[in-house]
PDB file of all heavy atoms in Angstrom:
ATOM      1  N   ARG A   1     210.763 196.694  72.839  1.00  0.00           N
ATOM      2  CA  ARG A   1     210.463 195.263  72.959  1.00  0.00           C
ATOM      3  C   ARG A   1     210.048 194.602  71.649  1.00  0.00           C
ATOM      4  O   ARG A   1     210.328 193.410  71.434  1.00  0.00           O
ATOM      5  CB  ARG A   1     209.336 195.059  73.980  1.00  0.00           C
ATOM      6  CG  ARG A   1     209.709 195.353  75.408  1.00  0.00           C
ATOM      7  CD  ARG A   1     208.568 194.987  76.348  1.00  0.00           C
ATOM      8  NE  ARG A   1     207.385 195.834  76.115  1.00  0.00           N
ATOM      9  CZ  ARG A   1     206.180 195.594  76.628  1.00  0.00           C
ATOM     10  NH1 ARG A   1     205.978 194.508  77.368  1.00  0.00           N
ATOM     11  NH2 ARG A   1     205.171 196.424  76.394  1.00  0.00           N
ATOM     12  N   TYR A   2     209.369 195.358  70.781  1.00  0.00           N
ATOM     13  CA  TYR A   2     208.756 194.729  69.612  1.00  0.00           C
ATOM     14  C   TYR A   2     209.215 195.399  68.322  1.00  0.00           C
ATOM     15  O   TYR A   2     208.982 196.595  68.114  1.00  0.00           O
ATOM     16  CB  TYR A   2     207.228 194.820  69.678  1.00  0.00           C
ATOM     17  CG  TYR A   2     206.622 194.236  70.930  1.00  0.00           C
ATOM     18  CD1 TYR A   2     206.042 195.061  71.891  1.00  0.00           C
ATOM     19  CD2 TYR A   2     206.626 192.859  71.169  1.00  0.00           C
ATOM     20  CE1 TYR A   2     205.483 194.540  73.046  1.00  0.00           C
ATOM     21  CE2 TYR A   2     206.072 192.326  72.313  1.00  0.00           C
ATOM     22  CZ  TYR A   2     205.498 193.166  73.252  1.00  0.00           C
ATOM     23  OH  TYR A   2     204.942 192.648  74.398  1.00  0.00           O
ATOM     24  N   HIS A   3     209.867 194.635  67.464  1.00  0.00           N
ATOM     25  CA  HIS A   3     210.232 195.121  66.133  1.00  0.00           C
ATOM     26  C   HIS A   3     209.571 194.203  65.118  1.00  0.00           C
ATOM     27  O   HIS A   3     209.839 192.999  65.081  1.00  0.00           O
ATOM     28  CB  HIS A   3     211.749 195.119  65.950  1.00  0.00           C
ATOM     29  CG  HIS A   3     212.198 195.757  64.672  1.00  0.00           C
ATOM     30  ND1 HIS A   3     213.491 195.667  64.199  1.00  0.00           N
ATOM     31  CD2 HIS A   3     211.518 196.510  63.750  1.00  0.00           C
ATOM     32  CE1 HIS A   3     213.582 196.338  63.060  1.00  0.00           C
ATOM     33  NE2 HIS A   3     212.407 196.841  62.768  1.00  0.00           N
ATOM     34  N   PHE A   4     208.687 194.770  64.314  1.00  0.00           N
ATOM     35  CA  PHE A   4     207.979 194.010  63.289  1.00  0.00           C
ATOM     36  C   PHE A   4     208.351 194.527  61.911  1.00  0.00           C
ATOM     37  O   PHE A   4     208.631 195.713  61.727  1.00  0.00           O
ATOM     38  CB  PHE A   4     206.458 194.132  63.472  1.00  0.00           C
ATOM     39  CG  PHE A   4     205.873 193.156  64.449  1.00  0.00           C
ATOM     40  CD1 PHE A   4     205.976 193.372  65.818  1.00  0.00           C
ATOM     41  CD2 PHE A   4     205.199 192.022  64.018  1.00  0.00           C
ATOM     42  CE1 PHE A   4     205.431 192.484  66.732  1.00  0.00           C
ATOM     43  CE2 PHE A   4     204.641 191.128  64.920  1.00  0.00           C
ATOM     44  CZ  PHE A   4     204.766 191.350  66.287  1.00  0.00           C
ATOM     45  N   LEU A   5     208.332 193.628  60.942  1.00  0.00           N
ATOM     46  CA  LEU A   5     208.460 193.977  59.528  1.00  0.00           C
ATOM     47  C   LEU A   5     207.084 193.863  58.904  1.00  0.00           C
ATOM     48  O   LEU A   5     206.379 192.875  59.122  1.00  0.00           O
ATOM     49  CB  LEU A   5     209.440 193.024  58.837  1.00  0.00           C
ATOM     50  CG  LEU A   5     209.674 193.231  57.339  1.00  0.00           C
ATOM     51  CD1 LEU A   5     210.322 194.580  57.072  1.00  0.00           C
ATOM     52  CD2 LEU A   5     210.537 192.098  56.780  1.00  0.00           C
ATOM     53  N   GLY A   6     206.690 194.886  58.157  1.00  0.00           N
ATOM     54  CA  GLY A   6     205.376 194.873  57.513  1.00  0.00           C
ATOM     55  C   GLY A   6     205.466 195.381  56.091  1.00  0.00           C
ATOM     56  O   GLY A   6     206.469 195.958  55.679  1.00  0.00           O
ATOM     57  N   GLY A   7     204.377 195.208  55.361  1.00  0.00           N
ATOM     58  CA  GLY A   7     204.373 195.615  53.963  1.00  0.00           C
ATOM     59  C   GLY A   7     204.843 194.489  53.068  1.00  0.00           C
ATOM     60  O   GLY A   7     205.892 194.582  52.431  1.00  0.00           O
ATOM     61  N   ARG A   8     204.051 193.448  53.017  1.00  0.00           N
ATOM     62  CA  ARG A   8     204.434 192.259  52.244  1.00  0.00           C
ATOM     63  C   ARG A   8     204.035 192.462  50.779  1.00  0.00           C
ATOM     64  O   ARG A   8     203.124 191.814  50.260  1.00  0.00           O
ATOM     65  CB  ARG A   8     203.737 191.031  52.847  1.00  0.00           C
ATOM     66  CG  ARG A   8     204.208 189.702  52.275  1.00  0.00           C
ATOM     67  CD  ARG A   8     203.515 188.545  52.966  1.00  0.00           C
ATOM     68  NE  ARG A   8     203.991 187.257  52.492  1.00  0.00           N
ATOM     69  CZ  ARG A   8     203.602 186.082  52.993  1.00  0.00           C
ATOM     70  NH1 ARG A   8     202.720 186.045  53.973  1.00  0.00           N
ATOM     71  NH2 ARG A   8     204.085 184.964  52.506  1.00  0.00           N
ATOM     72  N   PHE A   9     204.732 193.383  50.126  1.00  0.00           N
ATOM     73  CA  PHE A   9     204.362 193.703  48.747  1.00  0.00           C
ATOM     74  C   PHE A   9     205.576 193.973  47.856  1.00  0.00           C
ATOM     75  O   PHE A   9     205.425 194.434  46.727  1.00  0.00           O
ATOM     76  CB  PHE A   9     203.420 194.913  48.698  1.00  0.00           C
ATOM     77  CG  PHE A   9     203.867 196.097  49.526  1.00  0.00           C
ATOM     78  CD1 PHE A   9     204.994 196.823  49.185  1.00  0.00           C
ATOM     79  CD2 PHE A   9     203.162 196.464  50.658  1.00  0.00           C
ATOM     80  CE1 PHE A   9     205.401 197.906  49.941  1.00  0.00           C
ATOM     81  CE2 PHE A   9     203.558 197.549  51.427  1.00  0.00           C
ATOM     82  CZ  PHE A   9     204.686 198.281  51.062  1.00  0.00           C
ATOM     83  N   VAL A  10     206.783 193.703  48.367  1.00  0.00           N
ATOM     84  CA  VAL A  10     207.986 194.028  47.590  1.00  0.00           C
ATOM     85  C   VAL A  10     208.297 192.879  46.624  1.00  0.00           C
ATOM     86  O   VAL A  10     208.601 191.770  47.058  1.00  0.00           O
ATOM     87  CB  VAL A  10     209.193 194.276  48.517  1.00  0.00           C
ATOM     88  CG1 VAL A  10     210.400 194.726  47.692  1.00  0.00           C
ATOM     89  CG2 VAL A  10     208.851 195.313  49.577  1.00  0.00           C
ATOM     90  N   PRO A  11     208.223 193.110  45.309  1.00  0.00           N
ATOM     91  CA  PRO A  11     208.495 192.044  44.344  1.00  0.00           C
ATOM     92  C   PRO A  11     209.911 191.489  44.512  1.00  0.00           C
ATOM     93  O   PRO A  11     210.844 192.211  44.887  1.00  0.00           O
ATOM     94  CB  PRO A  11     208.341 192.746  42.988  1.00  0.00           C
ATOM     95  CG  PRO A  11     207.458 193.927  43.273  1.00  0.00           C
ATOM     96  CD  PRO A  11     207.815 194.373  44.645  1.00  0.00           C
ATOM     97  N   MET A  12     210.076 190.211  44.215  1.00  0.00           N
ATOM     98  CA  MET A  12     211.357 189.549  44.442  1.00  0.00           C
ATOM     99  C   MET A  12     212.485 190.214  43.655  1.00  0.00           C
ATOM    100  O   MET A  12     213.613 190.352  44.148  1.00  0.00           O
ATOM    101  CB  MET A  12     211.245 188.067  44.070  1.00  0.00           C
ATOM    102  CG  MET A  12     212.519 187.271  44.372  1.00  0.00           C
ATOM    103  SD  MET A  12     213.050 187.418  46.119  1.00  0.00           S
ATOM    104  CE  MET A  12     211.666 186.606  46.927  1.00  0.00           C
ATOM    105  N   ALA A  13     212.208 190.655  42.429  1.00  0.00           N
ATOM    106  CA  ALA A  13     213.251 191.297  41.622  1.00  0.00           C
ATOM    107  C   ALA A  13     213.751 192.571  42.297  1.00  0.00           C
ATOM    108  O   ALA A  13     214.950 192.882  42.244  1.00  0.00           O
ATOM    109  CB  ALA A  13     212.712 191.606  40.229  1.00  0.00           C
ATOM    110  N   LEU A  14     212.859 193.289  42.943  1.00  0.00           N
ATOM    111  CA  LEU A  14     213.250 194.518  43.635  1.00  0.00           C
ATOM    112  C   LEU A  14     214.022 194.194  44.913  1.00  0.00           C
ATOM    113  O   LEU A  14     214.987 194.882  45.254  1.00  0.00           O
ATOM    114  CB  LEU A  14     211.998 195.341  43.959  1.00  0.00           C
ATOM    115  CG  LEU A  14     212.178 196.840  44.177  1.00  0.00           C
ATOM    116  CD1 LEU A  14     212.860 197.491  42.988  1.00  0.00           C
ATOM    117  CD2 LEU A  14     210.826 197.499  44.430  1.00  0.00           C
ATOM    118  N   GLN A  15     213.621 193.139  45.596  1.00  0.00           N
ATOM    119  CA  GLN A  15     214.369 192.687  46.780  1.00  0.00           C
ATOM    120  C   GLN A  15     215.808 192.340  46.394  1.00  0.00           C
ATOM    121  O   GLN A  15     216.757 192.701  47.094  1.00  0.00           O
ATOM    122  CB  GLN A  15     213.695 191.470  47.403  1.00  0.00           C
ATOM    123  CG  GLN A  15     212.334 191.736  48.018  1.00  0.00           C
ATOM    124  CD  GLN A  15     211.774 190.503  48.728  1.00  0.00           C
ATOM    125  OE1 GLN A  15     212.509 189.767  49.367  1.00  0.00           O
ATOM    126  NE2 GLN A  15     210.467 190.292  48.612  1.00  0.00           N
ATOM    127  N   GLN A  16     215.959 191.648  45.279  1.00  0.00           N
ATOM    128  CA  GLN A  16     217.291 191.231  44.842  1.00  0.00           C
ATOM    129  C   GLN A  16     218.118 192.430  44.383  1.00  0.00           C
ATOM    130  O   GLN A  16     219.311 192.514  44.669  1.00  0.00           O
ATOM    131  CB  GLN A  16     217.155 190.195  43.727  1.00  0.00           C
ATOM    132  CG  GLN A  16     216.556 188.878  44.201  1.00  0.00           C
ATOM    133  CD  GLN A  16     216.199 187.932  43.070  1.00  0.00           C
ATOM    134  OE1 GLN A  16     216.149 188.337  41.899  1.00  0.00           O
ATOM    135  NE2 GLN A  16     215.936 186.680  43.395  1.00  0.00           N
ATOM    136  N   LYS A  17     217.504 193.366  43.699  1.00  0.00           N
ATOM    137  CA  LYS A  17     218.214 194.544  43.190  1.00  0.00           C
ATOM    138  C   LYS A  17     218.853 195.335  44.326  1.00  0.00           C
ATOM    139  O   LYS A  17     219.980 195.824  44.200  1.00  0.00           O
ATOM    140  CB  LYS A  17     217.256 195.427  42.394  1.00  0.00           C
ATOM    141  CG  LYS A  17     217.905 196.701  41.855  1.00  0.00           C
ATOM    142  CD  LYS A  17     216.935 197.510  41.007  1.00  0.00           C
ATOM    143  CE  LYS A  17     217.593 198.782  40.486  1.00  0.00           C
ATOM    144  NZ  LYS A  17     216.675 199.577  39.629  1.00  0.00           N
ATOM    145  N   TYR A  18     218.122 195.464  45.447  1.00  0.00           N
ATOM    146  CA  TYR A  18     218.619 196.254  46.571  1.00  0.00           C
ATOM    147  C   TYR A  18     219.185 195.394  47.702  1.00  0.00           C
ATOM    148  O   TYR A  18     219.429 195.894  48.788  1.00  0.00           O
ATOM    149  CB  TYR A  18     217.505 197.163  47.104  1.00  0.00           C
ATOM    150  CG  TYR A  18     217.193 198.294  46.153  1.00  0.00           C
ATOM    151  CD1 TYR A  18     216.188 198.157  45.184  1.00  0.00           C
ATOM    152  CD2 TYR A  18     217.903 199.484  46.188  1.00  0.00           C
ATOM    153  CE1 TYR A  18     215.904 199.191  44.300  1.00  0.00           C
ATOM    154  CE2 TYR A  18     217.627 200.517  45.311  1.00  0.00           C
ATOM    155  CZ  TYR A  18     216.625 200.369  44.376  1.00  0.00           C
ATOM    156  OH  TYR A  18     216.352 201.393  43.492  1.00  0.00           O
ATOM    157  N   SER A  19     219.380 194.103  47.438  1.00  0.00           N
ATOM    158  CA  SER A  19     219.972 193.173  48.412  1.00  0.00           C
ATOM    159  C   SER A  19     219.275 193.260  49.765  1.00  0.00           C
ATOM    160  O   SER A  19     219.918 193.358  50.815  1.00  0.00           O
ATOM    161  CB  SER A  19     221.480 193.463  48.574  1.00  0.00           C
ATOM    162  OG  SER A  19     222.151 193.364  47.345  1.00  0.00           O
ATOM    163  N   LEU A  20     217.952 193.208  49.734  1.00  0.00           N
ATOM    164  CA  LEU A  20     217.181 193.369  50.971  1.00  0.00           C
ATOM    165  C   LEU A  20     217.220 192.114  51.845  1.00  0.00           C
ATOM    166  O   LEU A  20     217.141 192.209  53.059  1.00  0.00           O
ATOM    167  CB  LEU A  20     215.721 193.722  50.636  1.00  0.00           C
ATOM    168  CG  LEU A  20     215.511 195.030  49.885  1.00  0.00           C
ATOM    169  CD1 LEU A  20     214.023 195.280  49.659  1.00  0.00           C
ATOM    170  CD2 LEU A  20     216.138 196.202  50.627  1.00  0.00           C
ATOM    171  N   HIS A  21     217.304 190.958  51.245  1.00  0.00           N
ATOM    172  CA  HIS A  21     217.353 189.696  51.997  1.00  0.00           C
ATOM    173  C   HIS A  21     216.209 189.611  53.014  1.00  0.00           C
ATOM    174  O   HIS A  21     216.421 189.264  54.180  1.00  0.00           O
ATOM    175  CB  HIS A  21     218.703 189.536  52.719  1.00  0.00           C
ATOM    176  CG  HIS A  21     219.890 189.634  51.823  1.00  0.00           C
ATOM    177  ND1 HIS A  21     220.118 188.743  50.798  1.00  0.00           N
ATOM    178  CD2 HIS A  21     220.913 190.523  51.788  1.00  0.00           C
ATOM    179  CE1 HIS A  21     221.238 189.078  50.171  1.00  0.00           C
ATOM    180  NE2 HIS A  21     221.731 190.158  50.744  1.00  0.00           N
ATOM    181  N   LEU A  22     215.001 189.933  52.565  1.00  0.00           N
ATOM    182  CA  LEU A  22     213.865 189.891  53.486  1.00  0.00           C
ATOM    183  C   LEU A  22     213.553 188.451  53.870  1.00  0.00           C
ATOM    184  O   LEU A  22     213.534 187.561  53.019  1.00  0.00           O
ATOM    185  CB  LEU A  22     212.630 190.532  52.840  1.00  0.00           C
ATOM    186  CG  LEU A  22     212.760 192.008  52.454  1.00  0.00           C
ATOM    187  CD1 LEU A  22     211.454 192.502  51.856  1.00  0.00           C
ATOM    188  CD2 LEU A  22     213.148 192.856  53.661  1.00  0.00           C
ATOM    189  N   PRO A  23     213.316 188.192  55.151  1.00  0.00           N
ATOM    190  CA  PRO A  23     212.985 186.830  55.569  1.00  0.00           C
ATOM    191  C   PRO A  23     211.589 186.453  55.095  1.00  0.00           C
ATOM    192  O   PRO A  23     210.763 187.327  54.814  1.00  0.00           O
ATOM    193  CB  PRO A  23     213.038 186.921  57.102  1.00  0.00           C
ATOM    194  CG  PRO A  23     212.734 188.345  57.401  1.00  0.00           C
ATOM    195  CD  PRO A  23     213.326 189.135  56.276  1.00  0.00           C
ATOM    196  N   PRO A  24     211.318 185.164  54.980  1.00  0.00           N
ATOM    197  CA  PRO A  24     209.979 184.751  54.547  1.00  0.00           C
ATOM    198  C   PRO A  24     208.941 185.039  55.630  1.00  0.00           C
ATOM    199  O   PRO A  24     209.168 184.777  56.803  1.00  0.00           O
ATOM    200  CB  PRO A  24     210.139 183.234  54.308  1.00  0.00           C
ATOM    201  CG  PRO A  24     211.301 182.833  55.168  1.00  0.00           C
ATOM    202  CD  PRO A  24     212.223 184.011  55.205  1.00  0.00           C
ATOM    203  N   TYR A  25     207.831 185.598  55.202  1.00  0.00           N
ATOM    204  CA  TYR A  25     206.726 185.823  56.135  1.00  0.00           C
ATOM    205  C   TYR A  25     206.064 184.483  56.448  1.00  0.00           C
ATOM    206  O   TYR A  25     206.011 183.597  55.589  1.00  0.00           O
ATOM    207  CB  TYR A  25     205.692 186.754  55.516  1.00  0.00           C
ATOM    208  CG  TYR A  25     206.093 188.214  55.469  1.00  0.00           C
ATOM    209  CD1 TYR A  25     206.922 188.707  54.453  1.00  0.00           C
ATOM    210  CD2 TYR A  25     205.626 189.114  56.419  1.00  0.00           C
ATOM    211  CE1 TYR A  25     207.280 190.041  54.396  1.00  0.00           C
ATOM    212  CE2 TYR A  25     205.968 190.460  56.364  1.00  0.00           C
ATOM    213  CZ  TYR A  25     206.794 190.914  55.353  1.00  0.00           C
ATOM    214  OH  TYR A  25     207.138 192.241  55.296  1.00  0.00           O
ATOM    215  N   PRO A  26     205.542 184.330  57.661  1.00  0.00           N
ATOM    216  CA  PRO A  26     204.876 183.068  57.991  1.00  0.00           C
ATOM    217  C   PRO A  26     203.532 182.934  57.274  1.00  0.00           C
ATOM    218  O   PRO A  26     202.682 183.832  57.348  1.00  0.00           O
ATOM    219  CB  PRO A  26     204.688 183.158  59.513  1.00  0.00           C
ATOM    220  CG  PRO A  26     204.765 184.613  59.846  1.00  0.00           C
ATOM    221  CD  PRO A  26     205.629 185.249  58.813  1.00  0.00           C
ATOM    222  N   GLU A  27     203.385 181.845  56.562  1.00  0.00           N
ATOM    223  CA  GLU A  27     202.133 181.495  55.890  1.00  0.00           C
ATOM    224  C   GLU A  27     201.530 182.698  55.153  1.00  0.00           C
ATOM    225  O   GLU A  27     202.147 183.239  54.258  1.00  0.00           O
ATOM    226  CB  GLU A  27     201.171 180.893  56.931  1.00  0.00           C
ATOM    227  CG  GLU A  27     201.715 179.618  57.550  1.00  0.00           C
ATOM    228  CD  GLU A  27     200.796 178.998  58.579  1.00  0.00           C
ATOM    229  OE1 GLU A  27     199.837 179.673  59.016  1.00  0.00           O
ATOM    230  OE2 GLU A  27     201.033 177.827  58.935  1.00  0.00           O
ATOM    231  N   THR A  28     200.318 183.117  55.540  1.00  0.00           N
ATOM    232  CA  THR A  28     199.668 184.225  54.835  1.00  0.00           C
ATOM    233  C   THR A  28     199.763 185.535  55.600  1.00  0.00           C
ATOM    234  O   THR A  28     199.105 186.510  55.250  1.00  0.00           O
ATOM    235  CB  THR A  28     198.177 183.895  54.602  1.00  0.00           C
ATOM    236  OG1 THR A  28     197.536 183.645  55.862  1.00  0.00           O
ATOM    237  CG2 THR A  28     198.017 182.672  53.710  1.00  0.00           C
ATOM    238  N   ASP A  29     200.597 185.606  56.634  1.00  0.00           N
ATOM    239  CA  ASP A  29     200.691 186.816  57.457  1.00  0.00           C
ATOM    240  C   ASP A  29     201.278 187.975  56.663  1.00  0.00           C
ATOM    241  O   ASP A  29     202.136 187.784  55.789  1.00  0.00           O
ATOM    242  CB  ASP A  29     201.582 186.570  58.685  1.00  0.00           C
ATOM    243  CG  ASP A  29     200.893 185.731  59.730  1.00  0.00           C
ATOM    244  OD1 ASP A  29     199.760 185.283  59.492  1.00  0.00           O
ATOM    245  OD2 ASP A  29     201.507 185.510  60.797  1.00  0.00           O
ATOM    246  N   CYS A  30     200.840 189.187  56.994  1.00  0.00           N
ATOM    247  CA  CYS A  30     201.367 190.387  56.347  1.00  0.00           C
ATOM    248  C   CYS A  30     202.408 191.074  57.221  1.00  0.00           C
ATOM    249  O   CYS A  30     202.939 192.117  56.840  1.00  0.00           O
ATOM    250  CB  CYS A  30     200.237 191.364  56.010  1.00  0.00           C
ATOM    251  SG  CYS A  30     199.329 191.999  57.432  1.00  0.00           S
ATOM    252  N   VAL A  31     202.717 190.480  58.388  1.00  0.00           N
ATOM    253  CA  VAL A  31     203.760 191.020  59.271  1.00  0.00           C
ATOM    254  C   VAL A  31     204.621 189.886  59.778  1.00  0.00           C
ATOM    255  O   VAL A  31     204.225 188.718  59.790  1.00  0.00           O
ATOM    256  CB  VAL A  31     203.164 191.801  60.477  1.00  0.00           C
ATOM    257  CG1 VAL A  31     202.395 193.022  59.996  1.00  0.00           C
ATOM    258  CG2 VAL A  31     202.289 190.914  61.338  1.00  0.00           C
TER     259      VAL A  31
END
């Protein structure tokens, strides 16, 4: 029922390097 993404610490350059396309986290949430 529940799939969460956590670990809001991946630098943008690393996201781009691996084509992660992570969605924006809401406000200050860490999940």
